Amino acid sequence: MIAVRAGADTHHAVDANILRELGKDGYVVNISRGSVIDEEALVAALANETIAGAGLGRLRERAACAGRADRVSECRATPHIGGHTLESHTAMQNCVIANLEAFFAGQPLSYAVRGA
């Protein structure tokens, strides 16, 4: 499972070598940004059965697999909806309300966005 932030230092961190190390029984599951996986290497690894399969939640990866569905049958993709739960939406709503209350009371924001 891949769970890293996206950045120049993680761009294509999962490449052909990593996929080869994963092996024929291995599955790659990416919950990070799509840029972390070298898509061409992923599609080749799936098509050549270098790995057993992939679970993806990023649009670019899904598009890469969908365009090659005839060769890549072990690629499962879902919309990137991991954060869409009742609890997460309630928490986001509470952050917004706290910020609005603080703003209108002339107080510092409870959940200020730094660097914006």
PDB file of N, CA and C in Angstrom:
ATOM      1  N   MET A   1       0.850  -1.163   0.000  1.00  0.00           N
ATOM      2  CA  MET A   1       0.000   0.000   0.000  1.00  0.00           C
ATOM      3  C   MET A   1       0.895   1.224   0.000  1.00  0.00           C
ATOM      4  N   ILE A   2       0.567   2.163  -0.843  1.00  0.00           N
ATOM      5  CA  ILE A   2       1.341   3.388  -0.975  1.00  0.00           C
ATOM      6  C   ILE A   2       0.569   4.510  -0.300  1.00  0.00           C
ATOM      7  N   ALA A   3       1.205   5.159   0.662  1.00  0.00           N
ATOM      8  CA  ALA A   3       0.581   6.269   1.381  1.00  0.00           C
ATOM      9  C   ALA A   3       1.659   7.308   1.674  1.00  0.00           C
ATOM     10  N   VAL A   4       1.999   8.075   0.656  1.00  0.00           N
ATOM     11  CA  VAL A   4       2.996   9.138   0.798  1.00  0.00           C
ATOM     12  C   VAL A   4       2.427  10.424   0.209  1.00  0.00           C
ATOM     13  N   ARG A   5       3.016  11.524   0.586  1.00  0.00           N
ATOM     14  CA  ARG A   5       2.583  12.792  -0.006  1.00  0.00           C
ATOM     15  C   ARG A   5       3.173  12.900  -1.411  1.00  0.00           C
ATOM     16  N   ALA A   6       2.535  13.683  -2.219  1.00  0.00           N
ATOM     17  CA  ALA A   6       3.036  13.893  -3.575  1.00  0.00           C
ATOM     18  C   ALA A   6       4.046  15.028  -3.559  1.00  0.00           C
ATOM     19  N   GLY A   7       5.111  14.865  -4.311  1.00  0.00           N
ATOM     20  CA  GLY A   7       6.125  15.909  -4.420  1.00  0.00           C
ATOM     21  C   GLY A   7       7.191  15.475  -5.397  1.00  0.00           C
ATOM     22  N   ALA A   8       8.119  16.356  -5.640  1.00  0.00           N
ATOM     23  CA  ALA A   8       9.192  16.041  -6.583  1.00  0.00           C
ATOM     24  C   ALA A   8       9.987  14.823  -6.126  1.00  0.00           C
ATOM     25  N   ASP A   9      10.125  14.662  -4.820  1.00  0.00           N
ATOM     26  CA  ASP A   9      10.915  13.541  -4.303  1.00  0.00           C
ATOM     27  C   ASP A   9      10.164  12.210  -4.321  1.00  0.00           C
ATOM     28  N   THR A  10       8.844  12.249  -4.528  1.00  0.00           N
ATOM     29  CA  THR A  10       8.073  10.997  -4.593  1.00  0.00           C
ATOM     30  C   THR A  10       7.504  10.730  -5.984  1.00  0.00           C
ATOM     31  N   HIS A  11       7.771  11.615  -6.939  1.00  0.00           N
ATOM     32  CA  HIS A  11       7.275  11.434  -8.307  1.00  0.00           C
ATOM     33  C   HIS A  11       7.818  10.121  -8.886  1.00  0.00           C
ATOM     34  N   HIS A  12       6.917   9.240  -9.284  1.00  0.00           N
ATOM     35  CA  HIS A  12       7.263   7.929  -9.837  1.00  0.00           C
ATOM     36  C   HIS A  12       8.131   7.107  -8.880  1.00  0.00           C
ATOM     37  N   ALA A  13       7.902   7.287  -7.579  1.00  0.00           N
ATOM     38  CA  ALA A  13       8.633   6.496  -6.584  1.00  0.00           C
ATOM     39  C   ALA A  13       8.376   5.010  -6.777  1.00  0.00           C
ATOM     40  N   VAL A  14       7.175   4.683  -7.220  1.00  0.00           N
ATOM     41  CA  VAL A  14       6.857   3.289  -7.544  1.00  0.00           C
ATOM     42  C   VAL A  14       7.068   3.134  -9.042  1.00  0.00           C
ATOM     43  N   ASP A  15       8.202   2.543  -9.370  1.00  0.00           N
ATOM     44  CA  ASP A  15       8.585   2.387 -10.771  1.00  0.00           C
ATOM     45  C   ASP A  15       8.665   0.901 -11.118  1.00  0.00           C
ATOM     46  N   ALA A  16       9.182   0.599 -12.281  1.00  0.00           N
ATOM     47  CA  ALA A  16       9.273  -0.790 -12.739  1.00  0.00           C
ATOM     48  C   ALA A  16      10.070  -1.654 -11.770  1.00  0.00           C
ATOM     49  N   ASN A  17      11.138  -1.093 -11.195  1.00  0.00           N
ATOM     50  CA  ASN A  17      11.949  -1.864 -10.255  1.00  0.00           C
ATOM     51  C   ASN A  17      11.163  -2.236  -8.999  1.00  0.00           C
ATOM     52  N   ILE A  18      10.445  -1.288  -8.449  1.00  0.00           N
ATOM     53  CA  ILE A  18       9.635  -1.553  -7.250  1.00  0.00           C
ATOM     54  C   ILE A  18       8.557  -2.586  -7.573  1.00  0.00           C
ATOM     55  N   LEU A  19       7.907  -2.429  -8.712  1.00  0.00           N
ATOM     56  CA  LEU A  19       6.848  -3.375  -9.088  1.00  0.00           C
ATOM     57  C   LEU A  19       7.425  -4.769  -9.286  1.00  0.00           C
ATOM     58  N   ARG A  20       8.592  -4.859  -9.867  1.00  0.00           N
ATOM     59  CA  ARG A  20       9.250  -6.152 -10.051  1.00  0.00           C
ATOM     60  C   ARG A  20       9.548  -6.799  -8.692  1.00  0.00           C
ATOM     61  N   GLU A  21       9.989  -5.994  -7.735  1.00  0.00           N
ATOM     62  CA  GLU A  21      10.271  -6.492  -6.384  1.00  0.00           C
ATOM     63  C   GLU A  21       9.002  -6.975  -5.691  1.00  0.00           C
ATOM     64  N   LEU A  22       7.876  -6.353  -6.015  1.00  0.00           N
ATOM     65  CA  LEU A  22       6.606  -6.767  -5.424  1.00  0.00           C
ATOM     66  C   LEU A  22       6.285  -8.210  -5.793  1.00  0.00           C
ATOM     67  N   GLY A  23       6.551  -8.572  -7.026  1.00  0.00           N
ATOM     68  CA  GLY A  23       6.433  -9.965  -7.448  1.00  0.00           C
ATOM     69  C   GLY A  23       5.074 -10.356  -7.995  1.00  0.00           C
ATOM     70  N   LYS A  24       5.047 -11.555  -8.547  1.00  0.00           N
ATOM     71  CA  LYS A  24       3.864 -12.066  -9.244  1.00  0.00           C
ATOM     72  C   LYS A  24       2.643 -12.229  -8.350  1.00  0.00           C
ATOM     73  N   ASP A  25       2.842 -12.393  -7.048  1.00  0.00           N
ATOM     74  CA  ASP A  25       1.718 -12.538  -6.123  1.00  0.00           C
ATOM     75  C   ASP A  25       1.344 -11.223  -5.452  1.00  0.00           C
ATOM     76  N   GLY A  26       2.055 -10.159  -5.795  1.00  0.00           N
ATOM     77  CA  GLY A  26       1.859  -8.885  -5.122  1.00  0.00           C
ATOM     78  C   GLY A  26       0.800  -8.000  -5.761  1.00  0.00           C
ATOM     79  N   TYR A  27       0.182  -7.220  -4.925  1.00  0.00           N
ATOM     80  CA  TYR A  27      -0.801  -6.228  -5.352  1.00  0.00           C
ATOM     81  C   TYR A  27      -0.317  -4.862  -4.900  1.00  0.00           C
ATOM     82  N   VAL A  28      -0.452  -3.876  -5.759  1.00  0.00           N
ATOM     83  CA  VAL A  28      -0.120  -2.503  -5.379  1.00  0.00           C
ATOM     84  C   VAL A  28      -1.438  -1.770  -5.167  1.00  0.00           C
ATOM     85  N   VAL A  29      -1.560  -1.101  -4.020  1.00  0.00           N
ATOM     86  CA  VAL A  29      -2.752  -0.316  -3.691  1.00  0.00           C
ATOM     87  C   VAL A  29      -2.282   1.099  -3.417  1.00  0.00           C
ATOM     88  N   ASN A  30      -2.743   2.032  -4.231  1.00  0.00           N
ATOM     89  CA  ASN A  30      -2.309   3.421  -4.087  1.00  0.00           C
ATOM     90  C   ASN A  30      -3.422   4.272  -3.507  1.00  0.00           C
ATOM     91  N   ILE A  31      -3.167   4.818  -2.308  1.00  0.00           N
ATOM     92  CA  ILE A  31      -4.095   5.779  -1.719  1.00  0.00           C
ATOM     93  C   ILE A  31      -3.471   7.173  -1.719  1.00  0.00           C
ATOM     94  N   SER A  32      -2.336   7.288  -2.385  1.00  0.00           N
ATOM     95  CA  SER A  32      -1.644   8.573  -2.537  1.00  0.00           C
ATOM     96  C   SER A  32      -2.067   9.220  -3.851  1.00  0.00           C
ATOM     97  N   ARG A  33      -1.365  10.233  -4.231  1.00  0.00           N
ATOM     98  CA  ARG A  33      -1.592  10.887  -5.515  1.00  0.00           C
ATOM     99  C   ARG A  33      -1.086  10.017  -6.656  1.00  0.00           C
ATOM    100  N   GLY A  34      -1.678  10.183  -7.809  1.00  0.00           N
ATOM    101  CA  GLY A  34      -1.320   9.381  -8.974  1.00  0.00           C
ATOM    102  C   GLY A  34       0.113   9.554  -9.433  1.00  0.00           C
ATOM    103  N   SER A  35       0.711  10.707  -9.157  1.00  0.00           N
ATOM    104  CA  SER A  35       2.078  10.964  -9.615  1.00  0.00           C
ATOM    105  C   SER A  35       3.103  10.067  -8.937  1.00  0.00           C
ATOM    106  N   VAL A  36       2.724   9.412  -7.863  1.00  0.00           N
ATOM    107  CA  VAL A  36       3.650   8.550  -7.124  1.00  0.00           C
ATOM    108  C   VAL A  36       3.967   7.283  -7.920  1.00  0.00           C
ATOM    109  N   ILE A  37       3.041   6.861  -8.779  1.00  0.00           N
ATOM    110  CA  ILE A  37       3.242   5.638  -9.566  1.00  0.00           C
ATOM    111  C   ILE A  37       3.601   5.989 -11.003  1.00  0.00           C
ATOM    112  N   ASP A  38       4.598   5.334 -11.524  1.00  0.00           N
ATOM    113  CA  ASP A  38       4.923   5.424 -12.944  1.00  0.00           C
ATOM    114  C   ASP A  38       3.853   4.616 -13.671  1.00  0.00           C
ATOM    115  N   GLU A  39       2.913   5.315 -14.277  1.00  0.00           N
ATOM    116  CA  GLU A  39       1.753   4.646 -14.871  1.00  0.00           C
ATOM    117  C   GLU A  39       2.119   3.670 -15.977  1.00  0.00           C
ATOM    118  N   GLU A  40       3.059   4.050 -16.810  1.00  0.00           N
ATOM    119  CA  GLU A  40       3.463   3.141 -17.891  1.00  0.00           C
ATOM    120  C   GLU A  40       4.053   1.860 -17.310  1.00  0.00           C
ATOM    121  N   ALA A  41       4.861   1.993 -16.269  1.00  0.00           N
ATOM    122  CA  ALA A  41       5.438   0.806 -15.621  1.00  0.00           C
ATOM    123  C   ALA A  41       4.348  -0.038 -14.973  1.00  0.00           C
ATOM    124  N   LEU A  42       3.343   0.618 -14.387  1.00  0.00           N
ATOM    125  CA  LEU A  42       2.237  -0.102 -13.763  1.00  0.00           C
ATOM    126  C   LEU A  42       1.450  -0.890 -14.799  1.00  0.00           C
ATOM    127  N   VAL A  43       1.099  -0.238 -15.885  1.00  0.00           N
ATOM    128  CA  VAL A  43       0.333  -0.916 -16.938  1.00  0.00           C
ATOM    129  C   VAL A  43       1.137  -2.079 -17.506  1.00  0.00           C
ATOM    130  N   ALA A  44       2.423  -1.874 -17.731  1.00  0.00           N
ATOM    131  CA  ALA A  44       3.266  -2.955 -18.247  1.00  0.00           C
ATOM    132  C   ALA A  44       3.344  -4.102 -17.240  1.00  0.00           C
ATOM    133  N   ALA A  45       3.491  -3.781 -15.957  1.00  0.00           N
ATOM    134  CA  ALA A  45       3.583  -4.826 -14.928  1.00  0.00           C
ATOM    135  C   ALA A  45       2.292  -5.639 -14.853  1.00  0.00           C
ATOM    136  N   LEU A  46       1.173  -4.973 -15.022  1.00  0.00           N
ATOM    137  CA  LEU A  46      -0.113  -5.688 -15.020  1.00  0.00           C
ATOM    138  C   LEU A  46      -0.263  -6.541 -16.277  1.00  0.00           C
ATOM    139  N   ALA A  47       0.057  -5.956 -17.416  1.00  0.00           N
ATOM    140  CA  ALA A  47      -0.094  -6.666 -18.690  1.00  0.00           C
ATOM    141  C   ALA A  47       0.845  -7.866 -18.786  1.00  0.00           C
ATOM    142  N   ASN A  48       2.050  -7.726 -18.227  1.00  0.00           N
ATOM    143  CA  ASN A  48       3.050  -8.800 -18.288  1.00  0.00           C
ATOM    144  C   ASN A  48       2.973  -9.750 -17.098  1.00  0.00           C
ATOM    145  N   GLU A  49       1.998  -9.511 -16.223  1.00  0.00           N
ATOM    146  CA  GLU A  49       1.816 -10.307 -15.011  1.00  0.00           C
ATOM    147  C   GLU A  49       3.044 -10.299 -14.115  1.00  0.00           C
ATOM    148  N   THR A  50       3.734  -9.162 -14.110  1.00  0.00           N
ATOM    149  CA  THR A  50       4.845  -8.956 -13.181  1.00  0.00           C
ATOM    150  C   THR A  50       4.305  -8.858 -11.762  1.00  0.00           C
ATOM    151  N   ILE A  51       3.101  -8.275 -11.621  1.00  0.00           N
ATOM    152  CA  ILE A  51       2.393  -8.218 -10.346  1.00  0.00           C
ATOM    153  C   ILE A  51       1.009  -8.825 -10.558  1.00  0.00           C
ATOM    154  N   ALA A  52       0.355  -9.168  -9.452  1.00  0.00           N
ATOM    155  CA  ALA A  52      -0.952  -9.824  -9.552  1.00  0.00           C
ATOM    156  C   ALA A  52      -2.083  -8.852  -9.828  1.00  0.00           C
ATOM    157  N   GLY A  53      -1.957  -7.615  -9.340  1.00  0.00           N
ATOM    158  CA  GLY A  53      -3.044  -6.673  -9.549  1.00  0.00           C
ATOM    159  C   GLY A  53      -2.782  -5.339  -8.918  1.00  0.00           C
ATOM    160  N   ALA A  54      -3.756  -4.436  -9.103  1.00  0.00           N
ATOM    161  CA  ALA A  54      -3.628  -3.081  -8.574  1.00  0.00           C
ATOM    162  C   ALA A  54      -4.987  -2.567  -8.141  1.00  0.00           C
ATOM    163  N   GLY A  55      -4.996  -1.852  -7.041  1.00  0.00           N
ATOM    164  CA  GLY A  55      -6.184  -1.142  -6.571  1.00  0.00           C
ATOM    165  C   GLY A  55      -5.851   0.332  -6.566  1.00  0.00           C
ATOM    166  N   LEU A  56      -6.603   1.108  -7.317  1.00  0.00           N
ATOM    167  CA  LEU A  56      -6.256   2.507  -7.544  1.00  0.00           C
ATOM    168  C   LEU A  56      -7.424   3.421  -7.228  1.00  0.00           C
ATOM    169  N   GLY A  57      -7.100   4.604  -6.753  1.00  0.00           N
ATOM    170  CA  GLY A  57      -8.136   5.573  -6.469  1.00  0.00           C
ATOM    171  C   GLY A  57      -7.863   6.923  -7.088  1.00  0.00           C
ATOM    172  N   ARG A  58      -6.922   7.001  -7.970  1.00  0.00           N
ATOM    173  CA  ARG A  58      -6.565   8.266  -8.582  1.00  0.00           C
ATOM    174  C   ARG A  58      -6.984   8.287 -10.039  1.00  0.00           C
ATOM    175  N   LEU A  59      -7.480   9.412 -10.489  1.00  0.00           N
ATOM    176  CA  LEU A  59      -8.035   9.542 -11.834  1.00  0.00           C
ATOM    177  C   LEU A  59      -7.044   9.193 -12.928  1.00  0.00           C
ATOM    178  N   ARG A  60      -5.815   9.702 -12.855  1.00  0.00           N
ATOM    179  CA  ARG A  60      -4.857   9.434 -13.926  1.00  0.00           C
ATOM    180  C   ARG A  60      -4.593   7.936 -14.057  1.00  0.00           C
ATOM    181  N   GLU A  61      -4.427   7.252 -12.929  1.00  0.00           N
ATOM    182  CA  GLU A  61      -4.154   5.817 -12.983  1.00  0.00           C
ATOM    183  C   GLU A  61      -5.344   5.058 -13.564  1.00  0.00           C
ATOM    184  N   ARG A  62      -6.541   5.444 -13.150  1.00  0.00           N
ATOM    185  CA  ARG A  62      -7.732   4.768 -13.665  1.00  0.00           C
ATOM    186  C   ARG A  62      -7.803   4.940 -15.174  1.00  0.00           C
ATOM    187  N   ALA A  63      -7.505   6.147 -15.642  1.00  0.00           N
ATOM    188  CA  ALA A  63      -7.541   6.407 -17.081  1.00  0.00           C
ATOM    189  C   ALA A  63      -6.494   5.560 -17.792  1.00  0.00           C
ATOM    190  N   ALA A  64      -5.321   5.430 -17.191  1.00  0.00           N
ATOM    191  CA  ALA A  64      -4.255   4.629 -17.809  1.00  0.00           C
ATOM    192  C   ALA A  64      -4.679   3.177 -17.926  1.00  0.00           C
ATOM    193  N   CYS A  65      -5.340   2.663 -16.901  1.00  0.00           N
ATOM    194  CA  CYS A  65      -5.780   1.268 -16.942  1.00  0.00           C
ATOM    195  C   CYS A  65      -6.989   1.107 -17.859  1.00  0.00           C
ATOM    196  N   ALA A  66      -7.902   2.060 -17.809  1.00  0.00           N
ATOM    197  CA  ALA A  66      -9.110   1.940 -18.633  1.00  0.00           C
ATOM    198  C   ALA A  66      -8.767   1.917 -20.110  1.00  0.00           C
ATOM    199  N   GLY A  67      -7.778   2.673 -20.497  1.00  0.00           N
ATOM    200  CA  GLY A  67      -7.377   2.716 -21.897  1.00  0.00           C
ATOM    201  C   GLY A  67      -6.747   1.427 -22.376  1.00  0.00           C
ATOM    202  N   ARG A  68      -6.427   0.567 -21.452  1.00  0.00           N
ATOM    203  CA  ARG A  68      -5.779  -0.699 -21.794  1.00  0.00           C
ATOM    204  C   ARG A  68      -6.533  -1.874 -21.172  1.00  0.00           C
ATOM    205  N   ALA A  69      -7.824  -1.730 -21.003  1.00  0.00           N
ATOM    206  CA  ALA A  69      -8.623  -2.742 -20.309  1.00  0.00           C
ATOM    207  C   ALA A  69      -8.547  -4.107 -20.975  1.00  0.00           C
ATOM    208  N   ASP A  70      -8.324  -4.115 -22.284  1.00  0.00           N
ATOM    209  CA  ASP A  70      -8.240  -5.397 -22.980  1.00  0.00           C
ATOM    210  C   ASP A  70      -6.992  -6.176 -22.555  1.00  0.00           C
ATOM    211  N   ARG A  71      -5.937  -5.474 -22.130  1.00  0.00           N
ATOM    212  CA  ARG A  71      -4.706  -6.142 -21.708  1.00  0.00           C
ATOM    213  C   ARG A  71      -4.577  -6.216 -20.195  1.00  0.00           C
ATOM    214  N   VAL A  72      -5.298  -5.370 -19.486  1.00  0.00           N
ATOM    215  CA  VAL A  72      -5.133  -5.270 -18.042  1.00  0.00           C
ATOM    216  C   VAL A  72      -6.448  -5.619 -17.354  1.00  0.00           C
ATOM    217  N   SER A  73      -6.583  -6.870 -16.960  1.00  0.00           N
ATOM    218  CA  SER A  73      -7.833  -7.296 -16.334  1.00  0.00           C
ATOM    219  C   SER A  73      -7.774  -7.256 -14.817  1.00  0.00           C
ATOM    220  N   GLU A  74      -6.609  -7.108 -14.252  1.00  0.00           N
ATOM    221  CA  GLU A  74      -6.480  -7.130 -12.802  1.00  0.00           C
ATOM    222  C   GLU A  74      -6.256  -5.748 -12.204  1.00  0.00           C
ATOM    223  N   CYS A  75      -6.874  -4.759 -12.793  1.00  0.00           N
ATOM    224  CA  CYS A  75      -6.768  -3.386 -12.311  1.00  0.00           C
ATOM    225  C   CYS A  75      -8.144  -2.960 -11.834  1.00  0.00           C
ATOM    226  N   ARG A  76      -8.269  -2.678 -10.548  1.00  0.00           N
ATOM    227  CA  ARG A  76      -9.536  -2.218  -9.988  1.00  0.00           C
ATOM    228  C   ARG A  76      -9.362  -0.769  -9.570  1.00  0.00           C
ATOM    229  N   ALA A  77     -10.309   0.043  -9.953  1.00  0.00           N
ATOM    230  CA  ALA A  77     -10.215   1.462  -9.643  1.00  0.00           C
ATOM    231  C   ALA A  77     -11.529   1.943  -9.061  1.00  0.00           C
ATOM    232  N   THR A  78     -11.426   2.854  -8.136  1.00  0.00           N
ATOM    233  CA  THR A  78     -12.601   3.455  -7.522  1.00  0.00           C
ATOM    234  C   THR A  78     -12.440   4.964  -7.582  1.00  0.00           C
ATOM    235  N   PRO A  79     -13.547   5.680  -7.470  1.00  0.00           N
ATOM    236  CA  PRO A  79     -13.401   7.135  -7.344  1.00  0.00           C
ATOM    237  C   PRO A  79     -12.612   7.433  -6.074  1.00  0.00           C
ATOM    238  N   HIS A  80     -11.926   8.551  -6.050  1.00  0.00           N
ATOM    239  CA  HIS A  80     -11.113   8.917  -4.887  1.00  0.00           C
ATOM    240  C   HIS A  80     -12.050   9.470  -3.811  1.00  0.00           C
ATOM    241  N   ILE A  81     -12.712   8.559  -3.076  1.00  0.00           N
ATOM    242  CA  ILE A  81     -13.745   8.967  -2.131  1.00  0.00           C
ATOM    243  C   ILE A  81     -13.482   8.492  -0.712  1.00  0.00           C
ATOM    244  N   GLY A  82     -12.247   8.156  -0.393  1.00  0.00           N
ATOM    245  CA  GLY A  82     -11.930   7.635   0.931  1.00  0.00           C
ATOM    246  C   GLY A  82     -12.333   8.561   2.066  1.00  0.00           C
ATOM    247  N   GLY A  83     -12.346   9.850   1.823  1.00  0.00           N
ATOM    248  CA  GLY A  83     -12.701  10.803   2.873  1.00  0.00           C
ATOM    249  C   GLY A  83     -14.169  11.130   2.948  1.00  0.00           C
ATOM    250  N   HIS A  84     -14.978  10.531   2.109  1.00  0.00           N
ATOM    251  CA  HIS A  84     -16.403  10.845   2.082  1.00  0.00           C
ATOM    252  C   HIS A  84     -17.171   9.935   3.037  1.00  0.00           C
ATOM    253  N   THR A  85     -17.069  10.268   4.317  1.00  0.00           N
ATOM    254  CA  THR A  85     -17.830   9.549   5.330  1.00  0.00           C
ATOM    255  C   THR A  85     -18.649  10.566   6.102  1.00  0.00           C
ATOM    256  N   LEU A  86     -19.646  10.115   6.783  1.00  0.00           N
ATOM    257  CA  LEU A  86     -20.451  11.014   7.607  1.00  0.00           C
ATOM    258  C   LEU A  86     -19.571  11.712   8.631  1.00  0.00           C
ATOM    259  N   GLU A  87     -18.653  10.947   9.230  1.00  0.00           N
ATOM    260  CA  GLU A  87     -17.771  11.522  10.246  1.00  0.00           C
ATOM    261  C   GLU A  87     -16.858  12.609   9.679  1.00  0.00           C
ATOM    262  N   SER A  88     -16.299  12.367   8.499  1.00  0.00           N
ATOM    263  CA  SER A  88     -15.389  13.370   7.934  1.00  0.00           C
ATOM    264  C   SER A  88     -16.145  14.625   7.512  1.00  0.00           C
ATOM    265  N   HIS A  89     -17.331  14.454   6.970  1.00  0.00           N
ATOM    266  CA  HIS A  89     -18.116  15.626   6.570  1.00  0.00           C
ATOM    267  C   HIS A  89     -18.572  16.420   7.790  1.00  0.00           C
ATOM    268  N   THR A  90     -18.928  15.735   8.865  1.00  0.00           N
ATOM    269  CA  THR A  90     -19.306  16.415  10.102  1.00  0.00           C
ATOM    270  C   THR A  90     -18.109  17.179  10.668  1.00  0.00           C
ATOM    271  N   ALA A  91     -16.934  16.555  10.641  1.00  0.00           N
ATOM    272  CA  ALA A  91     -15.731  17.222  11.143  1.00  0.00           C
ATOM    273  C   ALA A  91     -15.405  18.462  10.308  1.00  0.00           C
ATOM    274  N   MET A  92     -15.524  18.364   8.984  1.00  0.00           N
ATOM    275  CA  MET A  92     -15.259  19.525   8.120  1.00  0.00           C
ATOM    276  C   MET A  92     -16.258  20.643   8.411  1.00  0.00           C
ATOM    277  N   GLN A  93     -17.514  20.271   8.575  1.00  0.00           N
ATOM    278  CA  GLN A  93     -18.546  21.251   8.891  1.00  0.00           C
ATOM    279  C   GLN A  93     -18.234  21.945  10.215  1.00  0.00           C
ATOM    280  N   ASN A  94     -17.816  21.187  11.207  1.00  0.00           N
ATOM    281  CA  ASN A  94     -17.484  21.766  12.512  1.00  0.00           C
ATOM    282  C   ASN A  94     -16.308  22.735  12.418  1.00  0.00           C
ATOM    283  N   CYS A  95     -15.320  22.426  11.568  1.00  0.00           N
ATOM    284  CA  CYS A  95     -14.183  23.333  11.367  1.00  0.00           C
ATOM    285  C   CYS A  95     -14.638  24.646  10.750  1.00  0.00           C
ATOM    286  N   VAL A  96     -15.504  24.569   9.759  1.00  0.00           N
ATOM    287  CA  VAL A  96     -16.008  25.780   9.102  1.00  0.00           C
ATOM    288  C   VAL A  96     -16.801  26.629  10.086  1.00  0.00           C
ATOM    289  N   ILE A  97     -17.670  25.995  10.849  1.00  0.00           N
ATOM    290  CA  ILE A  97     -18.485  26.734  11.823  1.00  0.00           C
ATOM    291  C   ILE A  97     -17.598  27.395  12.874  1.00  0.00           C
ATOM    292  N   ALA A  98     -16.587  26.662  13.370  1.00  0.00           N
ATOM    293  CA  ALA A  98     -15.670  27.237  14.362  1.00  0.00           C
ATOM    294  C   ALA A  98     -14.930  28.434  13.780  1.00  0.00           C
ATOM    295  N   ASN A  99     -14.502  28.343  12.539  1.00  0.00           N
ATOM    296  CA  ASN A  99     -13.806  29.463  11.892  1.00  0.00           C
ATOM    297  C   ASN A  99     -14.735  30.663  11.718  1.00  0.00           C
ATOM    298  N   LEU A 100     -15.958  30.403  11.301  1.00  0.00           N
ATOM    299  CA  LEU A 100     -16.914  31.507  11.127  1.00  0.00           C
ATOM    300  C   LEU A 100     -17.208  32.190  12.455  1.00  0.00           C
ATOM    301  N   GLU A 101     -17.428  31.406  13.487  1.00  0.00           N
ATOM    302  CA  GLU A 101     -17.702  31.979  14.811  1.00  0.00           C
ATOM    303  C   GLU A 101     -16.512  32.814  15.288  1.00  0.00           C
ATOM    304  N   ALA A 102     -15.301  32.302  15.113  1.00  0.00           N
ATOM    305  CA  ALA A 102     -14.109  33.042  15.527  1.00  0.00           C
ATOM    306  C   ALA A 102     -13.952  34.322  14.715  1.00  0.00           C
ATOM    307  N   PHE A 103     -14.157  34.241  13.412  1.00  0.00           N
ATOM    308  CA  PHE A 103     -14.011  35.408  12.539  1.00  0.00           C
ATOM    309  C   PHE A 103     -14.970  36.520  12.952  1.00  0.00           C
ATOM    310  N   PHE A 104     -16.246  36.176  13.136  1.00  0.00           N
ATOM    311  CA  PHE A 104     -17.237  37.195  13.458  1.00  0.00           C
ATOM    312  C   PHE A 104     -17.104  37.698  14.893  1.00  0.00           C
ATOM    313  N   ALA A 105     -16.387  36.951  15.740  1.00  0.00           N
ATOM    314  CA  ALA A 105     -16.113  37.413  17.106  1.00  0.00           C
ATOM    315  C   ALA A 105     -14.795  38.172  17.182  1.00  0.00           C
ATOM    316  N   GLY A 106     -14.114  38.332  16.016  1.00  0.00           N
ATOM    317  CA  GLY A 106     -12.854  39.051  15.995  1.00  0.00           C
ATOM    318  C   GLY A 106     -11.711  38.269  16.631  1.00  0.00           C
ATOM    319  N   GLN A 107     -11.829  36.983  16.687  1.00  0.00           N
ATOM    320  CA  GLN A 107     -10.818  36.105  17.288  1.00  0.00           C
ATOM    321  C   GLN A 107      -9.979  35.436  16.179  1.00  0.00           C
ATOM    322  N   PRO A 108      -8.808  34.909  16.544  1.00  0.00           N
ATOM    323  CA  PRO A 108      -8.029  34.139  15.562  1.00  0.00           C
ATOM    324  C   PRO A 108      -8.817  32.907  15.127  1.00  0.00           C
ATOM    325  N   LEU A 109      -8.630  32.532  13.870  1.00  0.00           N
ATOM    326  CA  LEU A 109      -9.337  31.361  13.366  1.00  0.00           C
ATOM    327  C   LEU A 109      -8.868  30.099  14.060  1.00  0.00           C
ATOM    328  N   SER A 110      -9.789  29.239  14.356  1.00  0.00           N
ATOM    329  CA  SER A 110      -9.468  27.960  15.001  1.00  0.00           C
ATOM    330  C   SER A 110      -8.722  27.036  14.054  1.00  0.00           C
ATOM    331  N   TYR A 111      -9.045  27.116  12.783  1.00  0.00           N
ATOM    332  CA  TYR A 111      -8.454  26.242  11.772  1.00  0.00           C
ATOM    333  C   TYR A 111      -7.956  27.085  10.605  1.00  0.00           C
ATOM    334  N   ALA A 112      -6.966  27.894  10.868  1.00  0.00           N
ATOM    335  CA  ALA A 112      -6.431  28.793   9.853  1.00  0.00           C
ATOM    336  C   ALA A 112      -5.602  27.983   8.842  1.00  0.00           C
ATOM    337  N   VAL A 113      -5.692  28.381   7.592  1.00  0.00           N
ATOM    338  CA  VAL A 113      -4.874  27.767   6.551  1.00  0.00           C
ATOM    339  C   VAL A 113      -3.558  28.526   6.521  1.00  0.00           C
ATOM    340  N   ARG A 114      -2.492  27.855   6.808  1.00  0.00           N
ATOM    341  CA  ARG A 114      -1.171  28.476   6.878  1.00  0.00           C
ATOM    342  C   ARG A 114      -0.575  28.614   5.483  1.00  0.00           C
ATOM    343  N   GLY A 115       0.105  29.708   5.256  1.00  0.00           N
ATOM    344  CA  GLY A 115       0.796  29.915   3.983  1.00  0.00           C
ATOM    345  C   GLY A 115      -0.122  30.333   2.848  1.00  0.00           C
ATOM    346  N   ALA A 116      -1.359  30.622   3.154  1.00  0.00           N
ATOM    347  CA  ALA A 116      -2.302  31.019   2.092  1.00  0.00           C
ATOM    348  C   ALA A 116      -2.314  32.520   1.928  1.00  0.00           C
TER     349      ALA A 116
END
